[in-house]
N, C-alpha and C. Protein backbone atom coordinates (compact mmCIF):
# COMPACT_ATOMS: atom_id res chain seq x y z
N PRO A 1 121.82 116.90 88.89
CA PRO A 1 121.23 118.64 89.79
C PRO A 1 119.79 118.43 90.22
N LEU A 2 119.67 119.06 90.83
CA LEU A 2 117.83 119.02 91.66
C LEU A 2 116.92 119.13 90.10
N GLY A 3 117.20 120.07 89.64
CA GLY A 3 116.38 120.46 88.74
C GLY A 3 115.96 119.76 87.56
N GLN A 4 117.14 118.82 87.28
CA GLN A 4 117.13 118.07 86.37
C GLN A 4 116.42 116.54 86.88
N ALA A 5 116.36 116.69 87.97
CA ALA A 5 115.84 115.22 88.48
C ALA A 5 114.47 115.64 88.76
N PHE A 6 113.89 116.94 88.96
CA PHE A 6 112.69 117.36 89.16
C PHE A 6 111.99 116.71 87.65
N ALA A 7 112.61 117.24 86.59
CA ALA A 7 112.33 117.50 85.25
C ALA A 7 112.20 115.99 85.05
N ASP A 8 113.11 114.99 85.27
CA ASP A 8 113.12 113.23 84.96
C ASP A 8 111.92 112.97 85.70
N ALA A 9 111.72 113.20 86.50
CA ALA A 9 110.89 112.68 87.49
C ALA A 9 109.09 113.00 87.24
N THR A 10 109.29 114.14 86.41
CA THR A 10 107.68 114.44 86.49
C THR A 10 107.39 114.35 85.12
N PHE A 11 108.50 114.46 83.98
CA PHE A 11 107.92 114.40 82.67
C PHE A 11 109.07 113.80 81.42
N ARG A 12 110.33 113.58 82.13
CA ARG A 12 111.44 113.07 80.78
C ARG A 12 111.20 111.90 80.88
N ASP A 13 111.43 111.01 81.87
CA ASP A 13 111.80 109.63 82.14
C ASP A 13 110.55 108.89 82.23
N PRO A 14 110.10 108.39 81.19
CA PRO A 14 108.60 107.52 81.44
C PRO A 14 108.47 106.59 82.36
N ALA A 15 109.16 105.91 82.93
CA ALA A 15 109.09 105.01 83.88
C ALA A 15 109.07 106.19 85.28
N LEU A 16 109.81 107.04 85.81
CA LEU A 16 109.65 108.13 86.95
C LEU A 16 108.45 109.00 86.67
N ARG A 17 108.07 108.70 85.52
CA ARG A 17 106.99 109.90 85.30
C ARG A 17 105.93 108.79 85.46
N SER A 18 105.73 107.68 84.98
CA SER A 18 104.54 106.98 85.42
C SER A 18 104.39 106.35 87.10
N CYS A 19 105.50 106.37 87.54
CA CYS A 19 105.52 105.96 89.13
C CYS A 19 104.53 107.21 89.75
N SER A 20 105.26 108.77 88.95
CA SER A 20 105.00 109.69 89.82
C SER A 20 103.29 110.22 89.38
N GLN A 21 102.85 109.89 88.34
CA GLN A 21 101.23 109.85 88.31
C GLN A 21 100.76 109.03 88.76
N ALA A 22 101.14 107.76 88.98
CA ALA A 22 100.28 106.65 90.03
C ALA A 22 100.48 107.00 91.46
N GLY A 23 101.38 107.63 91.63
CA GLY A 23 101.68 107.96 93.43
C GLY A 23 100.56 109.05 93.89
N PHE A 24 100.61 110.24 92.71
CA PHE A 24 99.54 111.09 92.89
C PHE A 24 98.07 110.90 92.78
N ILE A 25 97.75 109.75 92.08
CA ILE A 25 96.40 109.49 91.74
C ILE A 25 96.30 108.47 92.91
N ASN A 26 97.05 107.59 93.72
CA ASN A 26 96.88 107.12 94.57
C ASN A 26 96.70 107.58 95.91
N ASN A 27 97.27 108.66 95.91
CA ASN A 27 96.60 109.72 97.07
C ASN A 27 95.53 110.61 97.16
N LEU A 28 95.45 110.77 95.68
CA LEU A 28 94.32 111.40 95.34
C LEU A 28 92.85 110.23 95.92
N ASN A 29 93.29 109.32 95.90
CA ASN A 29 91.93 108.43 96.43
C ASN A 29 92.10 108.30 97.85
N ASP A 30 93.37 108.23 98.48
CA ASP A 30 93.53 108.73 99.84
C ASP A 30 92.60 109.69 100.41
N ALA A 31 92.89 111.09 99.90
CA ALA A 31 91.94 112.06 100.19
C ALA A 31 90.58 111.82 100.13
N LEU A 32 90.08 111.27 99.21
CA LEU A 32 88.71 110.75 98.83
C LEU A 32 88.18 110.09 100.03
N ALA A 33 88.94 108.88 100.12
CA ALA A 33 88.27 108.01 101.28
C ALA A 33 88.42 108.44 102.75
N TRP A 34 89.29 109.18 103.06
CA TRP A 34 89.53 109.95 104.31
C TRP A 34 88.63 111.38 104.45
N GLY A 35 88.20 111.86 103.20
CA GLY A 35 87.35 113.05 103.52
C GLY A 35 86.04 113.01 103.00
N VAL A 36 85.85 112.30 102.17
CA VAL A 36 84.38 112.54 101.39
C VAL A 36 83.46 111.00 101.85
N LEU A 37 84.40 109.87 101.77
CA LEU A 37 83.59 108.70 102.47
C LEU A 37 83.01 108.85 103.52
N PRO A 38 83.78 109.52 104.52
CA PRO A 38 82.59 109.64 105.83
C PRO A 38 81.41 110.80 105.47
N LEU A 39 81.54 111.56 105.05
CA LEU A 39 80.70 112.25 104.90
C LEU A 39 79.33 111.78 103.70
N PHE A 40 79.86 110.69 102.81
CA PHE A 40 79.01 110.24 102.03
C PHE A 40 78.27 109.18 102.71
N LEU A 41 79.02 108.44 103.90
CA LEU A 41 77.90 107.29 104.40
C LEU A 41 76.78 107.93 105.38
N ALA A 42 77.78 109.08 106.06
CA ALA A 42 76.94 109.73 106.91
C ALA A 42 75.57 110.48 106.41
N ALA A 43 75.36 111.08 105.10
CA ALA A 43 74.56 111.77 104.60
C ALA A 43 73.47 110.31 104.26
N HIS A 44 74.12 109.12 104.37
CA HIS A 44 72.87 107.98 104.03
C HIS A 44 72.40 107.58 105.49
N GLY A 45 72.99 107.90 106.19
CA GLY A 45 72.27 107.63 107.45
C GLY A 45 73.30 106.56 108.45
N ALA A 46 74.89 106.39 107.95
CA ALA A 46 75.64 105.55 108.91
C ALA A 46 75.69 106.00 109.98
N SER A 47 75.65 105.30 111.15
CA SER A 47 76.42 105.66 112.40
C SER A 47 77.52 106.30 112.41
N ALA A 48 78.09 106.56 113.56
CA ALA A 48 79.62 107.05 113.35
C ALA A 48 80.31 106.03 113.87
N SER A 49 79.88 104.67 114.67
CA SER A 49 80.54 103.50 114.62
C SER A 49 80.80 102.39 113.63
N LYS A 50 79.70 102.55 112.47
CA LYS A 50 79.89 102.06 111.10
C LYS A 50 80.63 102.88 109.87
N ILE A 51 80.71 104.40 110.15
CA ILE A 51 81.75 105.01 109.45
C ILE A 51 83.14 104.87 109.75
N GLY A 52 82.96 104.90 111.34
CA GLY A 52 84.62 104.27 112.09
C GLY A 52 85.19 102.79 110.86
N LEU A 53 84.08 101.98 111.37
CA LEU A 53 84.23 100.57 110.88
C LEU A 53 84.99 100.71 109.60
N VAL A 54 83.83 101.16 108.74
CA VAL A 54 84.63 101.36 107.12
C VAL A 54 85.83 102.18 106.66
N ALA A 55 86.09 103.22 107.65
CA ALA A 55 87.00 104.17 107.51
C ALA A 55 88.47 103.20 108.06
N GLY A 56 88.10 102.23 109.18
CA GLY A 56 89.25 101.62 109.56
C GLY A 56 89.61 100.67 108.61
N LEU A 57 89.01 100.00 107.88
CA LEU A 57 88.94 98.75 107.06
C LEU A 57 90.38 98.95 106.24
N TYR A 58 90.12 100.27 105.35
CA TYR A 58 90.90 100.64 104.29
C TYR A 58 92.18 100.70 104.85
N PRO A 59 92.77 101.42 105.65
CA PRO A 59 94.00 101.10 105.59
C PRO A 59 94.61 99.99 106.67
N GLY A 60 93.71 99.55 107.26
CA GLY A 60 94.22 98.21 108.20
C GLY A 60 94.45 97.08 107.17
N VAL A 61 93.60 96.66 106.10
CA VAL A 61 93.67 96.05 105.12
C VAL A 61 95.20 96.42 104.03
N TRP A 62 94.91 97.57 103.97
CA TRP A 62 96.30 98.30 103.09
C TRP A 62 97.52 98.14 103.93
N GLY A 63 97.57 98.59 105.26
CA GLY A 63 98.55 98.42 106.11
C GLY A 63 99.40 96.65 106.37
N ALA A 64 98.48 95.93 106.46
CA ALA A 64 98.89 94.56 106.47
C ALA A 64 99.09 93.88 105.24
N ALA A 65 98.55 94.21 104.20
CA ALA A 65 99.04 93.59 102.59
C ALA A 65 100.05 94.16 102.21
N GLN A 66 100.31 95.10 102.54
CA GLN A 66 101.76 95.63 101.72
C GLN A 66 102.55 94.98 102.56
N ILE A 67 102.64 94.20 103.16
CA ILE A 67 104.34 93.54 103.69
C ILE A 67 104.38 92.42 102.81
N TRP A 68 103.11 91.94 102.48
CA TRP A 68 103.41 90.69 101.56
C TRP A 68 103.58 91.11 100.05
N THR A 69 102.95 92.32 99.36
CA THR A 69 103.02 92.79 98.33
C THR A 69 104.20 93.51 97.98
N GLY A 70 105.04 94.16 98.56
CA GLY A 70 106.15 94.76 98.40
C GLY A 70 107.29 93.08 98.01
N HIS A 71 107.32 92.36 98.79
CA HIS A 71 107.93 90.97 98.74
C HIS A 71 107.18 90.69 97.31
N TRP A 72 106.35 90.38 96.88
CA TRP A 72 105.75 90.09 95.84
C TRP A 72 106.07 90.24 94.57
N SER A 73 106.09 91.75 94.94
CA SER A 73 106.54 92.70 93.37
C SER A 73 108.30 92.20 93.23
N ASP A 74 109.20 91.81 94.00
CA ASP A 74 110.55 91.54 93.50
C ASP A 74 110.37 90.34 92.99
N ARG A 75 109.03 89.53 93.03
CA ARG A 75 109.22 87.85 92.54
C ARG A 75 108.38 88.19 90.78
N VAL A 76 107.23 88.96 91.17
CA VAL A 76 106.42 89.03 89.24
C VAL A 76 106.85 90.25 88.78
N GLY A 77 107.21 91.26 89.42
CA GLY A 77 107.63 92.69 88.74
C GLY A 77 107.03 93.78 89.23
N ARG A 78 107.02 94.74 88.84
CA ARG A 78 106.84 96.14 89.44
C ARG A 78 105.47 96.29 88.59
N LYS A 79 105.45 96.35 87.26
CA LYS A 79 104.08 96.69 86.40
C LYS A 79 102.95 95.95 86.49
N PRO A 80 102.86 94.50 86.75
CA PRO A 80 101.65 94.18 86.96
C PRO A 80 100.76 94.48 88.15
N LEU A 81 101.93 94.35 89.62
CA LEU A 81 101.01 94.87 90.18
C LEU A 81 100.65 96.28 90.67
N ILE A 82 101.36 97.16 90.04
CA ILE A 82 100.91 98.46 89.83
C ILE A 82 99.47 98.77 89.33
N VAL A 83 99.18 98.19 87.80
CA VAL A 83 98.40 98.15 87.28
C VAL A 83 97.08 97.21 87.50
N ALA A 84 97.40 96.49 88.41
CA ALA A 84 96.25 95.64 88.98
C ALA A 84 96.00 96.35 90.37
N GLY A 85 96.80 96.93 90.99
CA GLY A 85 96.45 97.82 92.13
C GLY A 85 95.34 99.06 91.75
N MET A 86 95.84 99.81 91.06
CA MET A 86 95.10 100.95 90.10
C MET A 86 93.81 100.71 89.84
N LEU A 87 93.59 99.60 89.05
CA LEU A 87 92.48 99.04 88.67
C LEU A 87 91.41 98.38 89.80
N THR A 88 92.28 98.17 90.62
CA THR A 88 91.67 97.49 92.11
C THR A 88 91.09 98.49 92.59
N GLN A 89 91.38 99.57 92.97
CA GLN A 89 91.21 100.67 93.19
C GLN A 89 89.98 101.55 92.56
N ALA A 90 90.15 101.63 91.29
CA ALA A 90 89.24 102.16 90.40
C ALA A 90 87.67 101.18 90.92
N ALA A 91 87.92 100.02 90.57
CA ALA A 91 86.59 98.82 91.02
C ALA A 91 86.00 99.23 92.06
N ALA A 92 86.76 99.42 93.08
CA ALA A 92 86.36 99.28 94.44
C ALA A 92 85.59 100.80 94.99
N LEU A 93 86.40 102.02 94.37
CA LEU A 93 85.57 102.97 94.00
C LEU A 93 84.36 103.14 93.44
N MET A 94 84.28 102.41 92.30
CA MET A 94 83.00 102.46 91.98
C MET A 94 81.85 101.39 92.47
N LEU A 95 82.24 100.30 92.97
CA LEU A 95 81.16 99.80 94.02
C LEU A 95 80.82 100.86 94.88
N LEU A 96 81.84 101.68 95.64
CA LEU A 96 81.35 102.47 96.36
C LEU A 96 80.05 103.96 95.78
N ALA A 97 80.47 104.16 94.52
CA ALA A 97 79.81 104.90 93.96
C ALA A 97 78.31 104.74 93.88
N VAL A 98 78.23 103.50 93.84
CA VAL A 98 76.76 102.89 93.30
C VAL A 98 76.48 102.06 94.50
N SER A 99 76.82 102.47 95.75
CA SER A 99 76.59 101.21 96.94
C SER A 99 75.30 102.10 97.54
N GLY A 100 74.93 103.20 97.04
CA GLY A 100 73.88 104.06 97.96
C GLY A 100 74.19 104.20 99.31
N GLY A 101 75.29 104.13 99.71
CA GLY A 101 75.61 104.49 100.99
C GLY A 101 75.28 103.31 101.86
N ALA A 102 75.30 102.07 101.30
CA ALA A 102 74.99 100.74 102.29
C ALA A 102 76.43 100.34 102.76
N VAL A 103 76.42 100.09 104.26
CA VAL A 103 77.79 99.81 105.20
C VAL A 103 77.77 98.69 104.60
N ALA A 104 77.62 97.50 104.32
CA ALA A 104 78.14 96.60 103.81
C ALA A 104 78.74 96.63 102.47
N ALA A 105 78.41 97.42 101.77
CA ALA A 105 78.77 97.30 100.50
C ALA A 105 80.20 98.21 100.22
N ALA A 106 79.92 99.47 101.29
CA ALA A 106 80.92 100.23 101.51
C ALA A 106 82.52 99.62 102.11
N ALA A 107 81.68 98.76 102.91
CA ALA A 107 83.11 97.82 103.58
C ALA A 107 83.62 96.95 102.85
N VAL A 108 83.24 96.30 101.91
CA VAL A 108 83.82 95.32 100.65
C VAL A 108 84.35 96.35 99.64
N ALA A 109 83.91 97.72 99.62
CA ALA A 109 84.70 98.65 98.62
C ALA A 109 85.94 99.02 99.40
N ALA A 110 85.96 98.92 100.62
CA ALA A 110 87.05 99.72 101.47
C ALA A 110 88.39 98.40 101.80
N VAL A 111 87.68 97.09 101.88
CA VAL A 111 88.61 96.27 101.68
C VAL A 111 89.38 96.02 100.57
N SER A 112 88.55 96.40 99.14
CA SER A 112 89.06 96.16 98.16
C SER A 112 89.98 97.49 98.11
N LEU A 113 89.48 98.64 98.34
CA LEU A 113 90.64 99.79 97.81
C LEU A 113 92.17 99.32 98.93
N GLY A 114 91.65 98.87 99.80
CA GLY A 114 92.93 98.61 100.72
C GLY A 114 93.77 97.62 99.97
N LEU A 115 93.26 96.43 99.19
CA LEU A 115 94.16 95.70 98.71
C LEU A 115 94.87 96.19 97.69
N GLY A 116 94.07 96.95 96.60
CA GLY A 116 94.46 97.88 95.73
C GLY A 116 95.66 98.83 96.05
N THR A 117 95.22 99.50 97.22
CA THR A 117 96.47 100.32 97.57
C THR A 117 97.66 99.40 97.94
N ALA A 118 97.60 98.62 98.42
CA ALA A 118 98.47 97.38 99.13
C ALA A 118 99.50 97.19 98.16
N LEU A 119 98.83 96.74 96.62
CA LEU A 119 99.49 96.27 95.48
C LEU A 119 100.36 97.83 94.57
N VAL A 120 99.94 98.82 95.35
CA VAL A 120 100.46 100.11 94.62
C VAL A 120 101.42 100.71 95.47
N TYR A 121 101.48 100.74 96.86
CA TYR A 121 102.03 101.73 97.56
C TYR A 121 103.69 101.11 97.69
N PRO A 122 103.85 99.92 98.05
CA PRO A 122 105.01 99.60 98.29
C PRO A 122 106.04 99.50 96.93
N THR A 123 105.12 99.06 95.83
CA THR A 123 105.87 98.62 94.74
C THR A 123 106.27 100.20 93.73
N LEU A 124 105.41 101.09 93.97
CA LEU A 124 105.62 102.09 93.61
C LEU A 124 106.96 102.61 93.62
N ILE A 125 107.46 102.75 95.34
CA ILE A 125 108.61 103.16 95.77
C ILE A 125 110.18 102.33 94.84
N ALA A 126 109.58 101.06 95.16
CA ALA A 126 110.28 100.16 94.51
C ALA A 126 110.71 100.64 93.09
N ALA A 127 109.64 100.70 92.28
CA ALA A 127 109.89 100.96 90.71
C ALA A 127 110.81 102.02 90.98
N ILE A 128 110.54 103.19 91.27
CA ILE A 128 111.38 104.22 91.29
C ILE A 128 112.80 103.80 91.78
N SER A 129 112.76 103.36 92.67
CA SER A 129 114.67 102.65 93.01
C SER A 129 115.02 101.85 91.93
N ASP A 130 114.39 101.10 91.09
CA ASP A 130 114.78 100.36 90.59
C ASP A 130 115.27 101.15 89.10
N ALA A 131 114.50 102.56 88.81
CA ALA A 131 114.73 103.12 87.82
C ALA A 131 115.72 104.19 87.76
N VAL A 132 116.31 104.15 88.86
CA VAL A 132 117.88 105.20 88.95
C VAL A 132 118.87 104.52 89.75
N SER A 133 119.80 105.17 89.71
CA SER A 133 121.30 104.62 90.16
C SER A 133 120.96 105.05 91.39
N PRO A 134 121.83 104.43 92.76
CA PRO A 134 121.79 104.72 93.82
C PRO A 134 122.05 106.02 94.35
N VAL A 135 122.91 106.83 93.55
CA VAL A 135 123.48 108.03 93.72
C VAL A 135 122.02 109.12 93.23
N GLU A 136 121.20 108.68 92.23
CA GLU A 136 120.45 109.76 92.07
C GLU A 136 118.80 109.36 92.48
N ARG A 137 118.79 107.91 93.27
CA ARG A 137 117.99 107.46 94.33
C ARG A 137 117.29 108.70 95.31
N PRO A 138 117.88 109.43 96.42
CA PRO A 138 117.34 110.59 97.15
C PRO A 138 116.41 111.44 96.49
N PRO A 139 117.15 111.98 95.51
CA PRO A 139 116.11 113.25 94.98
C PRO A 139 115.11 112.47 93.87
N ALA A 140 115.38 111.51 93.42
CA ALA A 140 114.08 110.85 92.58
C ALA A 140 113.02 110.55 93.54
N VAL A 141 113.21 109.77 94.81
CA VAL A 141 112.22 109.45 95.85
C VAL A 141 111.52 110.95 96.31
N GLY A 142 112.59 111.51 96.60
CA GLY A 142 112.11 112.66 97.18
C GLY A 142 110.85 113.41 96.08
N ILE A 143 111.05 113.48 94.81
CA ILE A 143 110.01 114.08 93.80
C ILE A 143 109.09 113.42 93.93
N TYR A 144 109.27 112.12 93.49
CA TYR A 144 108.29 111.23 93.47
C TYR A 144 107.32 111.13 94.69
N ARG A 145 107.81 111.55 95.88
CA ARG A 145 106.95 111.80 97.16
C ARG A 145 106.21 113.22 96.76
N PHE A 146 107.08 113.95 96.38
CA PHE A 146 106.26 115.18 96.22
C PHE A 146 104.93 114.91 95.80
N TRP A 147 105.02 114.55 94.36
CA TRP A 147 104.01 114.52 93.54
C TRP A 147 103.02 113.39 94.06
N ARG A 148 103.50 112.26 95.00
CA ARG A 148 102.48 111.40 95.64
C ARG A 148 101.91 112.30 96.60
N ASP A 149 102.34 113.09 97.31
CA ASP A 149 101.61 113.76 98.40
C ASP A 149 100.85 115.03 97.96
N MET A 150 101.06 115.33 96.87
CA MET A 150 100.33 116.38 96.43
C MET A 150 98.99 115.67 96.02
N GLY A 151 99.04 114.66 95.82
CA GLY A 151 97.88 114.07 95.20
C GLY A 151 96.51 114.33 96.90
N TYR A 152 97.40 114.13 97.85
CA TYR A 152 96.00 114.51 99.01
C TYR A 152 95.42 115.80 98.51
N VAL A 153 96.57 116.98 98.49
CA VAL A 153 95.99 118.38 98.13
C VAL A 153 94.80 118.36 96.85
N ALA A 154 95.14 117.83 95.53
CA ALA A 154 94.41 117.72 94.63
C ALA A 154 93.22 116.55 94.93
N GLY A 155 93.13 115.45 95.62
CA GLY A 155 92.28 114.68 95.77
C GLY A 155 91.26 115.42 96.72
N GLY A 156 91.59 116.32 97.49
CA GLY A 156 90.91 116.97 98.83
C GLY A 156 89.81 118.07 97.86
N LEU A 157 90.60 118.68 97.04
CA LEU A 157 89.85 119.55 96.08
C LEU A 157 88.84 119.12 95.27
N ILE A 158 89.48 118.27 94.53
CA ILE A 158 88.51 117.84 93.47
C ILE A 158 87.31 116.90 93.90
N ALA A 159 87.74 116.21 95.04
CA ALA A 159 86.49 115.22 95.46
C ALA A 159 85.76 116.52 96.20
N GLY A 160 86.04 117.33 96.94
CA GLY A 160 85.28 118.34 97.72
C GLY A 160 84.50 118.98 96.63
N ILE A 161 84.88 119.67 95.58
CA ILE A 161 84.25 120.55 94.66
C ILE A 161 83.51 119.59 93.62
N ALA A 162 83.71 118.35 93.40
CA ALA A 162 82.98 117.69 92.52
C ALA A 162 81.81 116.97 93.46
N ALA A 163 81.71 117.01 94.67
CA ALA A 163 80.61 116.57 95.56
C ALA A 163 79.74 117.57 95.90
N ASP A 164 80.11 119.01 95.80
CA ASP A 164 79.44 120.01 95.90
C ASP A 164 78.43 120.31 94.51
N ALA A 165 79.29 119.81 93.11
CA ALA A 165 78.64 120.36 92.05
C ALA A 165 78.11 119.19 91.61
N ILE A 166 78.20 118.01 91.99
CA ILE A 166 77.32 116.80 91.54
C ILE A 166 76.65 116.27 92.75
N ASP A 167 77.38 115.09 93.34
CA ASP A 167 76.96 114.65 94.90
C ASP A 167 78.00 113.81 95.31
N TYR A 168 78.03 113.18 96.39
CA TYR A 168 79.20 112.36 96.71
C TYR A 168 79.14 111.25 95.88
N SER A 169 78.45 110.37 95.03
CA SER A 169 78.24 109.34 94.32
C SER A 169 79.00 109.89 93.25
N GLY A 170 78.52 110.74 92.22
CA GLY A 170 79.32 111.34 91.40
C GLY A 170 80.81 111.70 91.55
N ALA A 171 81.62 112.27 92.82
CA ALA A 171 82.59 112.33 93.22
C ALA A 171 83.53 111.57 93.22
N ILE A 172 82.95 110.41 93.74
CA ILE A 172 83.36 108.96 93.83
C ILE A 172 83.65 108.22 92.51
N ALA A 173 82.79 108.49 91.93
CA ALA A 173 82.61 108.14 90.16
C ALA A 173 83.84 108.75 89.69
N LEU A 174 84.03 109.96 89.79
CA LEU A 174 84.95 110.63 89.22
C LEU A 174 86.51 110.23 89.30
N VAL A 175 86.37 110.03 90.61
CA VAL A 175 88.05 109.48 91.35
C VAL A 175 88.06 108.25 90.94
N ALA A 176 87.27 107.12 90.65
CA ALA A 176 87.29 106.17 90.03
C ALA A 176 87.84 106.05 88.64
N ALA A 177 87.17 106.93 87.89
CA ALA A 177 87.55 107.25 86.41
C ALA A 177 89.18 107.60 86.18
N LEU A 178 89.35 108.70 86.93
CA LEU A 178 90.59 108.94 87.18
C LEU A 178 91.71 107.91 87.38
N THR A 179 91.43 107.06 88.62
CA THR A 179 92.16 105.93 88.71
C THR A 179 92.37 104.64 87.73
N ALA A 180 91.25 104.43 87.04
CA ALA A 180 91.49 103.60 86.13
C ALA A 180 92.15 104.18 84.75
N ALA A 181 92.05 105.19 84.56
CA ALA A 181 92.59 106.21 83.74
C ALA A 181 94.23 106.18 84.01
N SER A 182 94.69 105.94 85.00
CA SER A 182 96.17 106.14 85.67
C SER A 182 96.37 104.56 85.61
N GLY A 183 95.55 103.73 85.94
CA GLY A 183 95.86 102.40 85.96
C GLY A 183 96.39 101.98 84.44
N LEU A 184 95.55 102.24 83.61
CA LEU A 184 96.06 101.92 82.07
C LEU A 184 97.00 102.47 81.55
N TRP A 185 96.84 103.94 81.70
CA TRP A 185 98.61 104.58 81.54
C TRP A 185 99.42 103.77 82.00
């Protein structure tokens, strides 16, 4: 039943719980990258074209690299890529937080964030599929995607509130710390 599947994917089953929380944090990063990153760069004087370049690097690298990383996770296992991806995302966000809004550093951070996301994104869905039987897969993937997509909501709120309460760099550093904690968990 759906209620049992929700409980399993949310807190009962350790493998599903880990995937759900990692997906949640991954999309929390996305919300920060798409919402706060442009404002951060603009606040430091970046032009619209430079902001667009940095904003485009992240999904461009992620989209292209995930073709390879999804296949790679079949060879080396899911957990190493998920952990490495989350920690790569955290390092990228920390670089961004300390960059002072320099476009070159932000571009390097965006590429690194894209690589980290490419390690995580297809691998989490594969890990969910590995953890359940084919009959249980549709509700498990749906619940995982619920938590993953709720990361957009939480990311927008957390990054926005933190940016107002601290500043852009502090908000980015906070999300970097959450991402590192997720990867270590």
